[in-house]
Amino acid sequence: MKPVYLERHDPDKNMHRFYQLHVTPGLFGDWALVREWGRAGSPGTVRKDWFESEDEAQTARQRLVEVKQKKGYQSIG
C-alpha cells in the first residue's frame, strides 16, 4: 500500500512538520506500521508498531491519519 504523507505549516510559529505512515509485512507473518515524523526537510524520528494482521495495522494507520488531520495536517500527494 502507498505511504501516507502529511504536512503541517504555520509560518507565524515557524512550524513546518511532516508525518509519514506506511504498513509493511514482517518476516514472521506479522505487520508493521512504520511512522516517521519531524521538521520538513530534515531527517525524522522513526517508530515501528507491530500488529498480528494487516487489517489491524491498516486500522491503526487510518486512526492516526484522522488524529493528525484534526490537528491541522494535510495530505500531500
N, C-alpha and C. Protein backbone atom coordinates (compact mmCIF):
# COMPACT_ATOMS: atom_id res chain seq x y z
N MET A 1 0.83 -1.18 0.00
CA MET A 1 0.00 0.00 0.00
C MET A 1 0.87 1.24 0.00
N LYS A 2 0.38 2.27 -0.63
CA LYS A 2 1.10 3.53 -0.77
C LYS A 2 1.21 4.25 0.58
N PRO A 3 2.38 4.83 0.89
CA PRO A 3 2.53 5.57 2.14
C PRO A 3 1.63 6.81 2.17
N VAL A 4 1.26 7.23 3.38
CA VAL A 4 0.51 8.46 3.58
C VAL A 4 1.50 9.51 4.05
N TYR A 5 1.53 10.65 3.39
CA TYR A 5 2.45 11.73 3.74
C TYR A 5 1.63 12.97 4.08
N LEU A 6 1.81 13.48 5.29
CA LEU A 6 1.07 14.63 5.78
C LEU A 6 2.04 15.75 6.14
N GLU A 7 1.61 16.98 5.96
CA GLU A 7 2.41 18.13 6.36
C GLU A 7 1.54 19.14 7.07
N ARG A 8 2.17 19.89 7.96
CA ARG A 8 1.51 20.98 8.67
C ARG A 8 2.44 22.18 8.67
N HIS A 9 1.93 23.32 8.23
CA HIS A 9 2.73 24.53 8.16
C HIS A 9 2.01 25.66 8.89
N ASP A 10 2.75 26.37 9.72
CA ASP A 10 2.25 27.57 10.39
C ASP A 10 3.41 28.56 10.43
N PRO A 11 3.52 29.43 9.41
CA PRO A 11 4.65 30.36 9.34
C PRO A 11 4.76 31.29 10.55
N ASP A 12 3.64 31.65 11.17
CA ASP A 12 3.68 32.52 12.34
C ASP A 12 4.42 31.88 13.51
N LYS A 13 4.34 30.56 13.60
CA LYS A 13 5.03 29.83 14.68
C LYS A 13 6.32 29.17 14.19
N ASN A 14 6.70 29.44 12.94
CA ASN A 14 7.86 28.80 12.31
C ASN A 14 7.74 27.28 12.39
N MET A 15 6.53 26.78 12.15
CA MET A 15 6.26 25.35 12.24
C MET A 15 6.10 24.77 10.83
N HIS A 16 6.95 23.82 10.51
CA HIS A 16 6.91 23.13 9.21
C HIS A 16 7.20 21.66 9.50
N ARG A 17 6.14 20.88 9.72
CA ARG A 17 6.30 19.49 10.14
C ARG A 17 5.75 18.52 9.11
N PHE A 18 6.28 17.30 9.17
CA PHE A 18 5.75 16.23 8.32
C PHE A 18 5.47 15.00 9.18
N TYR A 19 4.62 14.13 8.66
CA TYR A 19 4.28 12.87 9.32
C TYR A 19 4.01 11.88 8.19
N GLN A 20 4.73 10.77 8.18
CA GLN A 20 4.57 9.76 7.13
C GLN A 20 4.24 8.42 7.76
N LEU A 21 3.30 7.69 7.17
CA LEU A 21 2.89 6.39 7.68
C LEU A 21 2.82 5.39 6.54
N HIS A 22 3.32 4.18 6.78
CA HIS A 22 3.07 3.10 5.83
C HIS A 22 3.07 1.76 6.55
N VAL A 23 2.36 0.80 5.96
CA VAL A 23 2.22 -0.54 6.51
C VAL A 23 3.08 -1.48 5.68
N THR A 24 3.83 -2.33 6.37
CA THR A 24 4.72 -3.26 5.67
C THR A 24 4.71 -4.62 6.36
N PRO A 25 4.86 -5.71 5.60
CA PRO A 25 4.86 -7.04 6.23
C PRO A 25 6.18 -7.31 6.95
N GLY A 26 6.09 -8.10 8.01
CA GLY A 26 7.28 -8.55 8.73
C GLY A 26 7.73 -9.91 8.22
N LEU A 27 8.75 -10.44 8.82
CA LEU A 27 9.30 -11.73 8.39
C LEU A 27 8.51 -12.93 8.90
N PHE A 28 7.73 -12.75 9.94
CA PHE A 28 7.08 -13.89 10.59
C PHE A 28 5.56 -13.83 10.52
N GLY A 29 5.03 -13.24 9.47
CA GLY A 29 3.60 -13.16 9.28
C GLY A 29 2.95 -12.00 10.02
N ASP A 30 3.75 -11.17 10.65
CA ASP A 30 3.22 -10.00 11.33
C ASP A 30 3.30 -8.79 10.41
N TRP A 31 2.75 -7.67 10.86
CA TRP A 31 2.71 -6.46 10.06
C TRP A 31 3.17 -5.28 10.89
N ALA A 32 3.88 -4.35 10.27
CA ALA A 32 4.39 -3.17 10.97
C ALA A 32 3.75 -1.90 10.41
N LEU A 33 3.39 -1.02 11.32
CA LEU A 33 3.01 0.34 10.95
C LEU A 33 4.25 1.19 11.22
N VAL A 34 4.85 1.69 10.15
CA VAL A 34 6.07 2.47 10.27
C VAL A 34 5.68 3.94 10.20
N ARG A 35 6.10 4.69 11.23
CA ARG A 35 5.80 6.12 11.32
C ARG A 35 7.10 6.91 11.32
N GLU A 36 7.12 7.98 10.58
CA GLU A 36 8.26 8.89 10.60
C GLU A 36 7.72 10.31 10.71
N TRP A 37 8.33 11.11 11.58
CA TRP A 37 7.87 12.48 11.77
C TRP A 37 9.03 13.38 12.13
N GLY A 38 8.83 14.67 11.87
CA GLY A 38 9.85 15.66 12.20
C GLY A 38 9.63 16.95 11.44
N ARG A 39 10.67 17.77 11.42
CA ARG A 39 10.62 19.04 10.70
C ARG A 39 10.79 18.76 9.20
N ALA A 40 9.95 19.38 8.39
CA ALA A 40 10.03 19.19 6.94
C ALA A 40 11.41 19.59 6.44
N GLY A 41 11.98 18.74 5.60
CA GLY A 41 13.30 18.98 5.04
C GLY A 41 14.43 18.40 5.87
N SER A 42 14.11 17.80 7.01
CA SER A 42 15.12 17.20 7.88
C SER A 42 14.80 15.72 8.07
N PRO A 43 15.81 14.92 8.45
CA PRO A 43 15.50 13.52 8.77
C PRO A 43 14.59 13.47 10.00
N GLY A 44 13.72 12.51 10.02
CA GLY A 44 12.76 12.43 11.11
C GLY A 44 13.04 11.29 12.07
N THR A 45 12.21 11.20 13.06
CA THR A 45 12.22 10.10 14.01
C THR A 45 11.38 8.97 13.43
N VAL A 46 11.84 7.72 13.59
CA VAL A 46 11.12 6.58 13.04
C VAL A 46 10.69 5.66 14.19
N ARG A 47 9.46 5.18 14.09
CA ARG A 47 8.94 4.23 15.07
C ARG A 47 8.17 3.15 14.32
N LYS A 48 8.31 1.90 14.78
CA LYS A 48 7.55 0.78 14.21
C LYS A 48 6.66 0.19 15.29
N ASP A 49 5.39 0.01 14.96
CA ASP A 49 4.45 -0.66 15.84
C ASP A 49 4.03 -1.94 15.13
N TRP A 50 4.07 -3.06 15.85
CA TRP A 50 3.81 -4.37 15.24
C TRP A 50 2.39 -4.85 15.54
N PHE A 51 1.78 -5.49 14.54
CA PHE A 51 0.41 -5.99 14.64
C PHE A 51 0.34 -7.42 14.12
N GLU A 52 -0.68 -8.14 14.58
CA GLU A 52 -0.87 -9.54 14.17
C GLU A 52 -1.34 -9.67 12.72
N SER A 53 -2.13 -8.69 12.27
CA SER A 53 -2.69 -8.79 10.92
C SER A 53 -2.56 -7.45 10.19
N GLU A 54 -2.67 -7.54 8.87
CA GLU A 54 -2.61 -6.34 8.05
C GLU A 54 -3.80 -5.43 8.35
N ASP A 55 -4.97 -6.01 8.59
CA ASP A 55 -6.16 -5.21 8.89
C ASP A 55 -5.97 -4.37 10.15
N GLU A 56 -5.36 -4.96 11.19
CA GLU A 56 -5.11 -4.21 12.42
C GLU A 56 -4.17 -3.04 12.16
N ALA A 57 -3.12 -3.29 11.38
CA ALA A 57 -2.15 -2.24 11.07
C ALA A 57 -2.80 -1.13 10.24
N GLN A 58 -3.62 -1.49 9.27
CA GLN A 58 -4.30 -0.50 8.43
C GLN A 58 -5.28 0.33 9.26
N THR A 59 -5.97 -0.31 10.19
CA THR A 59 -6.91 0.41 11.06
C THR A 59 -6.16 1.41 11.93
N ALA A 60 -5.03 1.00 12.49
CA ALA A 60 -4.22 1.90 13.31
C ALA A 60 -3.71 3.06 12.47
N ARG A 61 -3.29 2.79 11.25
CA ARG A 61 -2.82 3.85 10.35
C ARG A 61 -3.92 4.86 10.08
N GLN A 62 -5.13 4.37 9.79
CA GLN A 62 -6.25 5.27 9.49
C GLN A 62 -6.60 6.13 10.70
N ARG A 63 -6.56 5.55 11.89
CA ARG A 63 -6.83 6.32 13.11
C ARG A 63 -5.82 7.45 13.28
N LEU A 64 -4.55 7.14 13.05
CA LEU A 64 -3.51 8.16 13.18
C LEU A 64 -3.67 9.27 12.14
N VAL A 65 -4.03 8.91 10.93
CA VAL A 65 -4.26 9.91 9.89
C VAL A 65 -5.39 10.85 10.32
N GLU A 66 -6.46 10.30 10.85
CA GLU A 66 -7.59 11.13 11.30
C GLU A 66 -7.19 12.05 12.44
N VAL A 67 -6.41 11.55 13.39
CA VAL A 67 -5.94 12.37 14.52
C VAL A 67 -5.07 13.51 14.01
N LYS A 68 -4.15 13.20 13.11
CA LYS A 68 -3.25 14.23 12.59
C LYS A 68 -4.00 15.27 11.77
N GLN A 69 -5.00 14.85 11.00
CA GLN A 69 -5.77 15.80 10.21
C GLN A 69 -6.58 16.73 11.11
N LYS A 70 -7.05 16.24 12.24
CA LYS A 70 -7.76 17.10 13.19
C LYS A 70 -6.83 18.15 13.79
N LYS A 71 -5.53 17.84 13.84
CA LYS A 71 -4.54 18.78 14.36
C LYS A 71 -4.03 19.75 13.30
N GLY A 72 -4.53 19.62 12.07
CA GLY A 72 -4.16 20.58 11.03
C GLY A 72 -3.23 20.03 9.96
N TYR A 73 -2.84 18.77 10.03
CA TYR A 73 -2.01 18.17 8.98
C TYR A 73 -2.85 17.96 7.74
N GLN A 74 -2.23 18.14 6.57
CA GLN A 74 -2.92 17.94 5.30
C GLN A 74 -2.16 16.90 4.48
N SER A 75 -2.92 16.06 3.79
CA SER A 75 -2.32 15.03 2.95
C SER A 75 -1.67 15.66 1.72
N ILE A 76 -0.45 15.22 1.42
CA ILE A 76 0.31 15.69 0.26
C ILE A 76 0.46 14.51 -0.69
N GLY A 77 0.06 14.71 -1.94
CA GLY A 77 0.20 13.65 -2.94
C GLY A 77 -0.85 12.68 -2.83
